[in-house]
Protein backbone atom coordinates (compact mmCIF):
# COMPACT_ATOMS: atom_id res chain seq x y z
CA MET A 1 0.00 0.00 0.00
CA LEU A 2 1.27 3.42 -0.91
CA PHE A 3 1.10 6.24 1.60
CA LYS A 4 1.85 9.88 1.00
CA LEU A 5 3.81 11.05 4.01
CA LYS A 6 4.16 14.64 5.12
CA LEU A 7 7.14 15.38 7.33
CA LEU A 8 6.48 17.69 10.24
CA PHE A 9 9.41 19.42 11.93
CA VAL A 10 8.76 20.45 15.50
CA CYS A 11 10.26 23.91 15.16
CA ALA A 12 8.75 27.29 14.43
CA GLY A 13 10.72 30.25 13.18
CA SER A 14 10.12 33.78 11.94
CA ILE A 15 12.16 36.79 10.88
CA ILE A 16 11.20 40.27 12.08
CA TYR A 17 13.35 43.24 11.07
CA LEU A 18 16.36 41.03 10.38
CA PHE A 19 16.16 39.37 13.80
CA SER A 20 15.75 35.58 13.77
CA PHE A 21 13.42 34.00 16.31
CA SER A 22 13.27 30.23 16.59
CA VAL A 23 11.58 27.96 19.11
CA CYS A 24 12.03 24.20 19.14
CA ALA A 25 10.56 21.59 21.44
CA THR A 26 13.34 20.10 23.55
CA PHE A 27 13.73 16.66 25.05
CA ASP A 28 12.51 18.05 28.39
CA ASP A 29 9.40 19.54 26.76
CA VAL A 30 8.39 16.22 25.24
CA THR A 31 9.28 14.29 28.42
CA ASN A 32 7.19 16.62 30.61
CA LEU A 33 4.17 16.29 28.35
CA GLU A 34 4.64 12.54 28.14
CA GLN A 35 4.66 12.33 31.94
CA ARG A 36 1.50 14.40 32.10
CA PHE A 37 -0.23 11.98 29.72
CA LYS A 38 0.94 8.99 31.79
CA ASN A 39 -0.84 10.46 34.81
CA ILE A 40 -4.14 10.01 32.94
CA SER A 41 -5.48 6.47 33.19
CA PRO A 42 -5.88 4.75 29.78
CA ASN A 43 -9.03 3.12 31.16
CA ILE A 44 -10.90 6.42 31.43
CA ARG A 45 -12.82 7.65 28.40
CA PRO A 46 -11.43 10.99 27.12
CA ARG A 47 -14.24 13.14 28.48
CA VAL A 48 -14.26 15.63 31.35
CA ASN A 49 -17.90 14.72 31.90
CA GLN A 50 -17.85 10.92 31.89
CA THR A 51 -21.53 10.76 30.98
CA ASP A 52 -20.77 12.33 27.57
CA PHE A 53 -20.28 9.95 24.64
CA VAL A 54 -17.18 9.82 22.45
CA GLU A 55 -17.82 10.14 18.73
CA ILE A 56 -15.38 8.09 16.65
CA THR A 57 -15.03 9.08 13.01
CA VAL A 58 -13.92 6.13 10.88
CA LEU A 59 -12.17 6.12 7.51
CA MET A 60 -11.67 2.68 5.96
CA THR A 61 -9.15 2.16 3.18
CA LEU A 62 -9.20 -1.10 1.24
CA ALA A 63 -5.61 -2.11 0.55
CA SER A 64 -6.26 -5.35 -1.33
CA ILE A 65 -8.49 -8.38 -1.75
CA LYS A 66 -6.42 -11.44 -0.96
CA ASP A 67 -9.00 -14.12 -1.64
CA TYR A 68 -12.66 -14.96 -1.88
CA ASP A 69 -13.72 -18.56 -1.28
CA GLU A 70 -17.13 -19.16 -2.83
CA VAL A 71 -17.49 -22.56 -1.14
CA SER A 72 -17.06 -21.30 2.42
CA GLY A 73 -18.25 -17.76 1.69
CA THR A 74 -15.09 -16.23 3.16
CA LEU A 75 -13.70 -12.90 2.00
CA THR A 76 -10.08 -12.14 2.91
CA VAL A 77 -9.02 -8.50 2.66
CA VAL A 78 -6.31 -6.18 3.93
CA ALA A 79 -7.85 -2.97 5.25
CA THR A 80 -6.60 0.12 7.03
CA TYR A 81 -8.73 2.00 9.52
CA VAL A 82 -8.08 5.60 10.46
CA LEU A 83 -9.95 6.67 13.60
CA TYR A 84 -10.44 10.27 14.72
CA TRP A 85 -11.87 11.60 17.97
CA HIS A 86 -11.55 14.54 20.33
CA ASP A 87 -9.76 13.97 23.64
CA GLU A 88 -10.75 16.46 26.32
CA LEU A 89 -8.08 15.22 28.74
CA ARG A 90 -4.98 15.12 26.54
CA ASN A 91 -4.43 18.67 25.30
CA TRP A 92 -1.89 21.37 26.07
CA ASN A 93 -0.79 24.93 25.52
CA GLN A 94 1.96 24.81 22.92
CA SER A 95 3.81 27.71 24.52
CA ASP A 96 4.23 25.65 27.71
CA TYR A 97 6.00 22.86 25.83
CA GLY A 98 8.34 24.56 23.36
CA ASN A 99 5.57 25.11 20.79
CA LEU A 100 5.18 21.35 20.42
CA PRO A 101 2.24 20.80 18.00
CA ILE A 102 2.06 16.97 17.91
CA MET A 103 2.47 14.25 20.53
CA ARG A 104 2.69 10.52 19.85
CA THR A 105 1.56 8.16 22.60
CA PRO A 106 1.78 4.33 22.53
CA ILE A 107 -1.63 2.67 22.51
CA ILE A 108 -0.77 0.74 25.69
CA GLU A 109 -0.45 4.05 27.55
CA THR A 110 -3.55 5.85 26.32
CA TRP A 111 -7.25 5.36 25.63
CA ILE A 112 -8.34 3.80 22.35
CA PRO A 113 -11.76 2.42 21.41
CA LYS A 114 -12.12 -1.35 21.21
CA ILE A 115 -13.44 -2.23 17.77
CA LEU A 116 -14.75 -5.61 16.67
CA ILE A 117 -15.94 -6.96 13.33
CA ARG A 118 -19.31 -8.63 13.68
CA ASN A 119 -18.96 -10.98 10.69
CA MET A 120 -15.33 -12.00 11.21
CA VAL A 121 -14.73 -15.71 10.61
CA SER A 122 -12.14 -16.25 13.35
CA LYS A 123 -10.77 -13.44 15.50
CA ARG A 124 -13.23 -10.57 15.81
CA SER A 125 -10.90 -7.78 16.88
CA VAL A 126 -9.56 -5.24 14.41
CA PHE A 127 -6.32 -5.08 16.39
CA LEU A 128 -4.35 -8.11 15.22
CA PHE A 129 -0.78 -7.33 16.27
CA ASP A 130 1.85 -9.98 15.56
CA ASN A 131 4.04 -9.33 18.59
CA ASP A 132 4.75 -7.02 21.53
CA VAL A 133 6.99 -4.79 19.39
CA ASP A 134 4.09 -4.06 17.03
CA THR A 135 1.91 -3.14 19.99
CA ARG A 136 4.50 -0.91 21.68
CA THR A 137 5.33 0.93 18.45
CA THR A 138 1.72 1.67 17.47
CA PHE A 139 0.80 5.22 18.44
CA VAL A 140 -2.09 7.61 18.80
CA ARG A 141 -1.19 11.05 17.46
CA TYR A 142 -2.56 14.07 19.34
CA ASN A 143 -2.43 17.71 18.42
CA SER A 144 -2.43 20.42 21.07
CA SER A 145 -6.21 20.94 20.87
CA GLY A 146 -6.81 17.28 21.73
CA GLN A 147 -7.66 15.93 18.28
CA ALA A 148 -6.61 12.28 18.20
CA LYS A 149 -5.72 10.19 15.15
CA PHE A 150 -5.11 6.44 15.25
CA MET A 151 -4.35 4.22 12.26
CA VAL A 152 -4.29 0.42 12.24
CA GLU A 153 -3.97 -2.11 9.42
CA SER A 154 -5.54 -5.53 9.68
CA LEU A 155 -6.09 -8.73 7.69
CA HIS A 156 -9.74 -9.77 7.80
CA GLU A 157 -11.47 -13.04 7.07
CA CYS A 158 -15.12 -12.09 6.88
CA SER A 159 -18.17 -14.19 6.17
CA CYS A 160 -19.88 -13.25 2.91
CA SER A 161 -22.60 -15.42 1.41
CA ALA A 162 -21.85 -16.60 -2.12
CA GLU A 163 -24.19 -16.39 -5.09
CA VAL A 164 -22.72 -18.48 -7.92
CA MET A 165 -25.71 -18.60 -10.25
CA TYR A 166 -23.86 -16.52 -12.85
CA PHE A 167 -20.44 -18.15 -12.39
CA PRO A 168 -17.83 -17.33 -13.69
CA PHE A 169 -19.34 -13.83 -14.02
CA ASP A 170 -20.67 -13.77 -10.47
CA ILE A 171 -21.01 -10.61 -8.41
CA HIS A 172 -20.93 -10.52 -4.62
CA ALA A 173 -21.83 -7.75 -2.21
CA CYS A 174 -19.88 -8.18 1.01
CA ALA A 175 -20.13 -6.12 4.18
CA ILE A 176 -17.60 -5.48 6.93
CA GLU A 177 -19.65 -4.69 10.02
CA LEU A 178 -17.88 -2.75 12.76
CA LEU A 179 -19.14 -2.69 16.32
CA THR A 180 -17.88 -1.95 19.79
CA VAL A 181 -18.46 -3.57 23.16
CA GLU A 182 -19.20 -0.15 24.68
CA GLN A 183 -22.72 1.17 25.18
CA SER A 184 -24.15 3.55 22.57
CA ASN A 185 -24.23 6.33 25.16
CA GLU A 186 -20.45 5.90 25.61
CA ILE A 187 -19.11 5.47 22.05
CA ARG A 188 -20.70 6.23 18.70
CA PHE A 189 -19.28 5.56 15.24
CA ARG A 190 -19.57 7.94 12.31
CA PRO A 191 -18.17 7.26 8.82
CA LEU A 192 -15.92 9.97 7.39
CA LEU A 193 -17.01 9.04 3.85
CA LYS A 194 -20.10 7.32 2.53
CA GLU A 195 -17.95 4.77 0.71
CA ILE A 196 -14.75 2.85 1.36
CA TYR A 197 -11.69 4.86 0.35
CA MET A 198 -10.05 3.00 -2.55
CA ALA A 199 -7.45 5.40 -3.92
CA TYR A 200 -4.65 3.01 -2.95
CA THR A 201 -6.40 -0.32 -3.53
CA GLN A 202 -4.18 -2.85 -5.26
CA SER A 203 -5.65 -4.70 -8.20
CA ASN A 204 -6.60 -8.36 -7.97
CA ALA A 205 -6.03 -10.82 -10.82
CA GLU A 206 -9.31 -12.63 -10.23
CA TRP A 207 -11.71 -10.03 -8.85
CA SER A 208 -12.55 -6.44 -9.69
CA VAL A 209 -13.99 -4.13 -7.06
């Protein structure tokens, strides 16, 4: 899968009447903010008022279709999910931390929504990490206003009923149904787009999407 990456340098500079002014976030700035985040329990939903729900905006990108088994009705795909939400607990004044605009926090140290796939054949969780290193090096990105962004890639085996009447020119409509174990008054999903984002979908020799 091809990603367009934008590099962000944590420095801000300006020139006023030939005087150069530059502010960069130091190691101490990042460490202090990191420690502040660690003092917030990852088990607490990111709301000052804990009765308020958290709206999760979801963008799904289809990377590729690996296989579709008409006999078992199993669709195997590689998909990437980008989740956005607002965190009312993890925000900061940039001027207090060297004008630091972005903070990365490992998922094991912060709150993330638990997402399941209803029609998964085997494991239902979206988070299928291969080892502890993958888990520790997967981050939630926060900006200073508390906007959170979390991206995870996963291999799915989903159930999808087969209709082979018109084989080999058969067409199948398959759904990937996301759900959470939280109550609806705690977490709500909202799609960012009405359709799956397919700008980077790799072609398949057998199936067209």
